[in-house]
C-alpha atoms as a PDB file:
ATOM      1  CA  MET A   1     250.320  87.632 306.533  1.00  0.00           C
ATOM      2  CA  LYS A   2     251.498  86.126 309.793  1.00  0.00           C
ATOM      3  CA  THR A   3     247.907  85.815 310.949  1.00  0.00           C
ATOM      4  CA  ALA A   4     246.973  83.900 307.771  1.00  0.00           C
ATOM      5  CA  VAL A   5     249.923  81.537 308.267  1.00  0.00           C
ATOM      6  CA  LYS A   6     248.960  80.942 311.883  1.00  0.00           C
ATOM      7  CA  GLN A   7     245.386  80.208 310.870  1.00  0.00           C
ATOM      8  CA  HIS A   8     246.583  77.752 308.212  1.00  0.00           C
ATOM      9  CA  VAL A   9     248.844  75.979 310.728  1.00  0.00           C
ATOM     10  CA  TYR A  10     245.995  75.877 313.233  1.00  0.00           C
ATOM     11  CA  GLN A  11     243.677  74.355 310.635  1.00  0.00           C
ATOM     12  CA  LEU A  12     246.263  71.703 309.736  1.00  0.00           C
ATOM     13  CA  ARG A  13     246.755  70.800 313.383  1.00  0.00           C
ATOM     14  CA  THR A  14     242.995  70.610 313.870  1.00  0.00           C
ATOM     15  CA  VAL A  15     242.727  68.206 310.929  1.00  0.00           C
ATOM     16  CA  GLU A  16     245.646  66.131 312.266  1.00  0.00           C
ATOM     17  CA  ILE A  17     244.064  65.904 315.697  1.00  0.00           C
ATOM     18  CA  ALA A  18     240.715  64.928 314.171  1.00  0.00           C
ATOM     19  CA  LEU A  19     242.407  62.219 312.098  1.00  0.00           C
ATOM     20  CA  MET A  20     244.296  60.909 315.140  1.00  0.00           C
ATOM     21  CA  VAL A  21     241.099  60.807 317.188  1.00  0.00           C
ATOM     22  CA  GLY A  22     239.300  59.027 314.343  1.00  0.00           C
ATOM     23  CA  LEU A  23     242.121  56.514 314.016  1.00  0.00           C
ATOM     24  CA  ALA A  24     242.104  55.891 317.767  1.00  0.00           C
ATOM     25  CA  ILE A  25     238.377  55.263 317.696  1.00  0.00           C
ATOM     26  CA  PHE A  26     238.725  52.941 314.712  1.00  0.00           C
ATOM     27  CA  LEU A  27     241.569  51.021 316.358  1.00  0.00           C
ATOM     28  CA  GLY A  28     239.559  50.730 319.541  1.00  0.00           C
ATOM     29  CA  SER A  29     236.536  49.458 317.645  1.00  0.00           C
ATOM     30  CA  GLY A  30     238.818  47.004 315.848  1.00  0.00           C
ATOM     31  CA  VAL A  31     240.062  45.531 319.123  1.00  0.00           C
ATOM     32  CA  LEU A  32     236.505  45.172 320.389  1.00  0.00           C
ATOM     33  CA  ALA A  33     235.382  43.725 317.062  1.00  0.00           C
ATOM     34  CA  LEU A  34     238.150  41.130 317.115  1.00  0.00           C
ATOM     35  CA  ARG A  35     237.084  40.127 320.596  1.00  0.00           C
ATOM     36  CA  THR A  36     233.515  39.813 319.330  1.00  0.00           C
ATOM     37  CA  GLN A  37     234.666  37.671 316.399  1.00  0.00           C
ATOM     38  CA  ASP A  38     236.611  35.391 318.741  1.00  0.00           C
ATOM     39  CA  GLU A  39     233.552  35.016 320.953  1.00  0.00           C
ATOM     40  CA  LEU A  40     231.357  34.203 317.955  1.00  0.00           C
ATOM     41  CA  ALA A  41     233.914  31.704 316.644  1.00  0.00           C
ATOM     42  CA  ASP A  42     233.729  29.860 319.964  1.00  0.00           C
ATOM     43  CA  LYS A  43     230.014  29.304 319.393  1.00  0.00           C
ATOM     44  CA  VAL A  44     229.682  28.256 315.750  1.00  0.00           C
ATOM     45  CA  VAL A  45     230.760  25.584 313.292  1.00  0.00           C
ATOM     46  CA  ARG A  46     230.835  26.720 309.668  1.00  0.00           C
ATOM     47  CA  LEU A  47     230.117  24.521 306.650  1.00  0.00           C
ATOM     48  CA  HIS A  48     232.456  24.908 303.674  1.00  0.00           C
ATOM     49  CA  VAL A  49     231.797  22.935 300.475  1.00  0.00           C
ATOM     50  CA  LEU A  50     234.407  23.227 297.702  1.00  0.00           C
ATOM     51  CA  ALA A  51     233.482  22.227 294.149  1.00  0.00           C
ATOM     52  CA  ASN A  52     235.850  20.386 291.826  1.00  0.00           C
ATOM     53  CA  SER A  53     235.823  23.298 289.350  1.00  0.00           C
ATOM     54  CA  ASP A  54     233.754  26.251 288.179  1.00  0.00           C
ATOM     55  CA  SER A  55     232.057  24.312 285.396  1.00  0.00           C
ATOM     56  CA  GLU A  56     228.275  24.392 285.450  1.00  0.00           C
ATOM     57  CA  GLU A  57     228.160  20.636 286.073  1.00  0.00           C
ATOM     58  CA  ASP A  58     230.617  20.722 288.967  1.00  0.00           C
ATOM     59  CA  GLN A  59     228.830  23.643 290.581  1.00  0.00           C
ATOM     60  CA  ALA A  60     225.502  21.807 290.352  1.00  0.00           C
ATOM     61  CA  LEU A  61     227.116  18.730 291.885  1.00  0.00           C
ATOM     62  CA  LYS A  62     228.475  20.855 294.725  1.00  0.00           C
ATOM     63  CA  LEU A  63     224.955  21.908 295.682  1.00  0.00           C
ATOM     64  CA  LYS A  64     223.663  18.337 295.627  1.00  0.00           C
ATOM     65  CA  VAL A  65     226.520  17.195 297.870  1.00  0.00           C
ATOM     66  CA  ARG A  66     225.901  20.189 300.110  1.00  0.00           C
ATOM     67  CA  ASP A  67     222.260  19.228 300.537  1.00  0.00           C
ATOM     68  CA  VAL A  68     222.905  15.638 301.633  1.00  0.00           C
ATOM     69  CA  VAL A  69     225.786  16.562 303.951  1.00  0.00           C
ATOM     70  CA  LEU A  70     223.856  19.445 305.486  1.00  0.00           C
ATOM     71  CA  GLU A  71     220.794  17.283 306.085  1.00  0.00           C
ATOM     72  CA  ARG A  72     222.832  14.576 307.825  1.00  0.00           C
ATOM     73  CA  ALA A  73     224.984  17.041 309.799  1.00  0.00           C
ATOM     74  CA  THR A  74     221.885  18.874 311.016  1.00  0.00           C
ATOM     75  CA  ALA A  75     220.442  15.596 312.298  1.00  0.00           C
ATOM     76  CA  ILE A  76     223.745  14.691 314.005  1.00  0.00           C
ATOM     77  CA  LEU A  77     223.890  18.052 315.773  1.00  0.00           C
ATOM     78  CA  LYS A  78     220.244  18.213 316.781  1.00  0.00           C
ATOM     79  CA  GLN A  79     220.952  17.513 320.450  1.00  0.00           C
ATOM     80  CA  SER A  80     224.197  19.489 320.733  1.00  0.00           C
ATOM     81  CA  ALA A  81     224.012  22.189 323.399  1.00  0.00           C
ATOM     82  CA  ASP A  82     227.163  24.096 322.454  1.00  0.00           C
ATOM     83  CA  ARG A  83     230.050  24.153 320.001  1.00  0.00           C
ATOM     84  CA  ARG A  84     232.134  21.730 322.057  1.00  0.00           C
ATOM     85  CA  GLU A  85     229.426  19.088 321.849  1.00  0.00           C
ATOM     86  CA  ALA A  86     228.875  19.879 318.167  1.00  0.00           C
ATOM     87  CA  GLU A  87     232.570  19.411 317.389  1.00  0.00           C
ATOM     88  CA  SER A  88     232.685  16.107 319.279  1.00  0.00           C
ATOM     89  CA  CYS A  89     229.619  14.774 317.449  1.00  0.00           C
ATOM     90  CA  LEU A  90     230.928  15.780 314.038  1.00  0.00           C
ATOM     91  CA  ARG A  91     234.380  14.290 314.608  1.00  0.00           C
ATOM     92  CA  GLY A  92     232.745  10.997 315.414  1.00  0.00           C
ATOM     93  CA  GLU A  93     230.766  11.058 312.150  1.00  0.00           C
ATOM     94  CA  LEU A  94     233.307  12.351 309.617  1.00  0.00           C
ATOM     95  CA  LEU A  95     233.612   8.999 307.867  1.00  0.00           C
ATOM     96  CA  GLU A  96     229.822   8.703 307.704  1.00  0.00           C
ATOM     97  CA  LEU A  97     229.521  12.184 306.211  1.00  0.00           C
ATOM     98  CA  GLU A  98     232.259  11.357 303.722  1.00  0.00           C
ATOM     99  CA  ARG A  99     230.427   8.165 302.738  1.00  0.00           C
ATOM    100  CA  ILE A 100     227.182  10.050 302.169  1.00  0.00           C
ATOM    101  CA  ALA A 101     228.970  12.632 300.030  1.00  0.00           C
ATOM    102  CA  ALA A 102     230.715   9.922 297.996  1.00  0.00           C
ATOM    103  CA  GLU A 103     227.428   8.104 297.410  1.00  0.00           C
ATOM    104  CA  GLU A 104     225.800  11.284 296.122  1.00  0.00           C
ATOM    105  CA  ILE A 105     228.721  11.920 293.766  1.00  0.00           C
ATOM    106  CA  ALA A 106     228.507   8.363 292.449  1.00  0.00           C
ATOM    107  CA  ALA A 107     224.726   8.634 292.073  1.00  0.00           C
ATOM    108  CA  GLU A 108     225.290  11.664 289.835  1.00  0.00           C
ATOM    109  CA  GLU A 109     227.707   9.513 287.770  1.00  0.00           C
ATOM    110  CA  TYR A 110     230.919  11.293 288.710  1.00  0.00           C
ATOM    111  CA  ASN A 111     234.045   9.573 289.988  1.00  0.00           C
ATOM    112  CA  TYR A 112     235.542  12.454 291.966  1.00  0.00           C
ATOM    113  CA  PRO A 113     237.133  11.624 295.313  1.00  0.00           C
ATOM    114  CA  VAL A 114     235.729  13.536 298.275  1.00  0.00           C
ATOM    115  CA  THR A 115     237.217  14.467 301.642  1.00  0.00           C
ATOM    116  CA  VAL A 116     235.285  15.593 304.699  1.00  0.00           C
ATOM    117  CA  GLU A 117     237.315  17.167 307.492  1.00  0.00           C
ATOM    118  CA  LEU A 118     236.896  19.391 310.517  1.00  0.00           C
ATOM    119  CA  GLU A 119     239.503  22.120 310.879  1.00  0.00           C
ATOM    120  CA  ASN A 120     240.008  25.813 311.524  1.00  0.00           C
ATOM    121  CA  SER A 121     239.694  27.930 308.384  1.00  0.00           C
ATOM    122  CA  ASP A 122     239.771  31.623 307.512  1.00  0.00           C
ATOM    123  CA  PHE A 123     236.534  33.156 306.259  1.00  0.00           C
ATOM    124  CA  PRO A 124     235.735  36.596 304.846  1.00  0.00           C
ATOM    125  CA  THR A 125     232.819  38.654 306.153  1.00  0.00           C
ATOM    126  CA  LYS A 126     229.792  36.823 304.796  1.00  0.00           C
ATOM    127  CA  GLU A 127     226.145  37.848 304.563  1.00  0.00           C
ATOM    128  CA  TYR A 128     223.475  35.163 304.711  1.00  0.00           C
ATOM    129  CA  ASP A 129     219.688  35.250 304.753  1.00  0.00           C
ATOM    130  CA  GLY A 130     218.947  37.032 308.010  1.00  0.00           C
ATOM    131  CA  PHE A 131     222.425  37.287 309.505  1.00  0.00           C
ATOM    132  CA  THR A 132     226.059  38.204 308.862  1.00  0.00           C
ATOM    133  CA  LEU A 133     229.303  36.853 310.333  1.00  0.00           C
ATOM    134  CA  PRO A 134     232.537  38.850 310.511  1.00  0.00           C
ATOM    135  CA  ALA A 135     235.777  37.764 308.870  1.00  0.00           C
ATOM    136  CA  GLY A 136     238.109  35.566 310.886  1.00  0.00           C
ATOM    137  CA  GLU A 137     239.066  32.029 311.766  1.00  0.00           C
ATOM    138  CA  TYR A 138     236.286  29.539 312.491  1.00  0.00           C
ATOM    139  CA  LEU A 139     236.006  25.803 313.007  1.00  0.00           C
ATOM    140  CA  ALA A 140     234.636  24.452 309.731  1.00  0.00           C
ATOM    141  CA  LEU A 141     233.221  21.217 308.394  1.00  0.00           C
ATOM    142  CA  ARG A 142     234.960  21.184 305.013  1.00  0.00           C
ATOM    143  CA  VAL A 143     233.749  19.050 302.116  1.00  0.00           C
ATOM    144  CA  ILE A 144     236.321  18.987 299.304  1.00  0.00           C
ATOM    145  CA  ILE A 145     235.103  17.517 296.016  1.00  0.00           C
ATOM    146  CA  GLY A 146     237.732  16.364 293.524  1.00  0.00           C
ATOM    147  CA  GLU A 147     240.359  19.067 293.018  1.00  0.00           C
ATOM    148  CA  GLY A 148     238.458  21.518 295.215  1.00  0.00           C
ATOM    149  CA  GLN A 149     239.310  24.347 292.807  1.00  0.00           C
ATOM    150  CA  GLY A 150     235.820  25.662 292.099  1.00  0.00           C
ATOM    151  CA  GLN A 151     233.714  28.339 293.755  1.00  0.00           C
ATOM    152  CA  ASN A 152     232.767  27.257 297.239  1.00  0.00           C
ATOM    153  CA  TRP A 153     229.699  27.498 299.446  1.00  0.00           C
ATOM    154  CA  TRP A 154     229.717  28.737 303.048  1.00  0.00           C
ATOM    155  CA  CYS A 155     227.171  28.662 305.800  1.00  0.00           C
ATOM    156  CA  VAL A 156     226.762  27.740 309.480  1.00  0.00           C
ATOM    157  CA  VAL A 157     225.924  24.191 310.461  1.00  0.00           C
ATOM    158  CA  PHE A 158     225.912  24.876 314.215  1.00  0.00           C
ATOM    159  CA  PRO A 159     223.738  26.528 315.333  1.00  0.00           C
ATOM    160  CA  PRO A 160     221.518  25.371 312.452  1.00  0.00           C
ATOM    161  CA  LEU A 161     221.397  28.821 310.871  1.00  0.00           C
ATOM    162  CA  CYS A 162     221.695  27.406 307.341  1.00  0.00           C
ATOM    163  CA  THR A 163     218.356  25.691 307.594  1.00  0.00           C
ATOM    164  CA  ALA A 164     216.564  28.252 309.777  1.00  0.00           C
ATOM    165  CA  ALA A 165     214.247  30.805 308.248  1.00  0.00           C
ATOM    166  CA  SER A 166     215.584  34.338 308.698  1.00  0.00           C
ATOM    167  CA  ALA A 167     212.901  35.023 311.327  1.00  0.00           C
ATOM    168  CA  ASP A 168     214.085  32.001 313.326  1.00  0.00           C
ATOM    169  CA  VAL A 169     217.791  32.920 313.338  1.00  0.00           C
ATOM    170  CA  PRO A 170     217.687  34.877 316.645  1.00  0.00           C
ATOM    171  CA  ALA A 171     216.021  32.008 318.521  1.00  0.00           C
ATOM    172  CA  SER A 172     218.442  29.434 317.093  1.00  0.00           C
ATOM    173  CA  ALA A 173     221.437  31.593 318.001  1.00  0.00           C
ATOM    174  CA  LEU A 174     220.193  32.245 321.541  1.00  0.00           C
ATOM    175  CA  ALA A 175     219.606  28.515 322.059  1.00  0.00           C
ATOM    176  CA  ALA A 176     223.257  27.880 321.131  1.00  0.00           C
ATOM    177  CA  GLY A 177     224.535  30.295 323.768  1.00  0.00           C
ATOM    178  CA  PHE A 178     224.723  33.581 321.881  1.00  0.00           C
ATOM    179  CA  SER A 179     224.173  36.680 323.986  1.00  0.00           C
ATOM    180  CA  GLU A 180     221.439  39.113 322.982  1.00  0.00           C
ATOM    181  CA  GLU A 181     224.135  41.603 321.969  1.00  0.00           C
ATOM    182  CA  GLU A 182     225.750  39.020 319.674  1.00  0.00           C
ATOM    183  CA  VAL A 183     222.388  38.152 318.143  1.00  0.00           C
ATOM    184  CA  ASN A 184     221.687  41.835 317.529  1.00  0.00           C
ATOM    185  CA  LEU A 185     225.091  42.208 315.916  1.00  0.00           C
ATOM    186  CA  ILE A 186     224.854  39.296 313.467  1.00  0.00           C
ATOM    187  CA  THR A 187     221.236  40.004 312.562  1.00  0.00           C
ATOM    188  CA  GLU A 188     222.086  43.624 311.715  1.00  0.00           C
ATOM    189  CA  GLU A 189     219.766  45.094 314.312  1.00  0.00           C
ATOM    190  CA  ASN A 190     222.821  46.953 315.568  1.00  0.00           C
ATOM    191  CA  GLN A 191     223.477  49.594 312.895  1.00  0.00           C
ATOM    192  CA  GLY A 192     227.184  49.748 313.780  1.00  0.00           C
ATOM    193  CA  TYR A 193     227.831  46.240 312.539  1.00  0.00           C
ATOM    194  CA  VAL A 194     229.265  47.388 309.196  1.00  0.00           C
ATOM    195  CA  LEU A 195     232.023  49.462 310.830  1.00  0.00           C
ATOM    196  CA  LYS A 196     232.762  46.720 313.339  1.00  0.00           C
ATOM    197  CA  PHE A 197     233.030  44.021 310.679  1.00  0.00           C
ATOM    198  CA  LYS A 198     235.227  46.242 308.503  1.00  0.00           C
ATOM    199  CA  ALA A 199     237.458  46.799 311.524  1.00  0.00           C
ATOM    200  CA  VAL A 200     237.776  43.021 311.923  1.00  0.00           C
ATOM    201  CA  GLU A 201     238.823  42.675 308.275  1.00  0.00           C
ATOM    202  CA  TRP A 202     241.380  45.447 308.694  1.00  0.00           C
ATOM    203  CA  TRP A 203     242.859  43.842 311.793  1.00  0.00           C
ATOM    204  CA  GLU A 204     242.969  40.428 310.138  1.00  0.00           C
ATOM    205  CA  THR A 205     244.906  41.968 307.237  1.00  0.00           C
ATOM    206  CA  LEU A 206     247.383  43.511 309.669  1.00  0.00           C
ATOM    207  CA  LYS A 207     247.806  40.205 311.487  1.00  0.00           C
ATOM    208  CA  GLU A 208     248.649  38.453 308.223  1.00  0.00           C
ATOM    209  CA  LYS A 209     251.307  41.073 307.439  1.00  0.00           C
ATOM    210  CA  TRP A 210     252.795  40.788 310.903  1.00  0.00           C
ATOM    211  CA  ASP A 211     252.916  36.992 310.679  1.00  0.00           C
END
């Protein structure tokens, strides 16, 4: 009887130790993943277009506004070597981008106001064609149409990953200063990316609770 009890206690302790080791590994991966997210955030500018509402018409308008803003922003950023230059160029053209967006809205016979701004925003983990970015805070070019209450559209305007074919994503990212390890991570060549990105989300949730 005593032997059975000892074995049961031993098994429980073994499970506890395994759980503690697993938690330690997960926490460690979370710290590293957060560092990776911070490094990625220092190298990209996201694009965030918010529709007036979820109506079919407003969602279609969102995509038309997205297209004209993305085309102009891509041209503005063509010569930018890094995120700092990209941010400087975009800040100097915010009014121009807002004008282009307003003209497209008017051309579609809507009278919604539109605001174009550049600010830090929180993003969830997001998969795109050929790459994935972890959750976290990123500098974003935000286009807010009307009430801005509809489903939104995210991508990356610098480097020009939105407009690059999936096969061209690694080259575009490397040209913008990404390391090979970072390129492997976002393009899913590193099979551990799922765990790392989930660890980022978990840490971001904890940070919100602590704040």
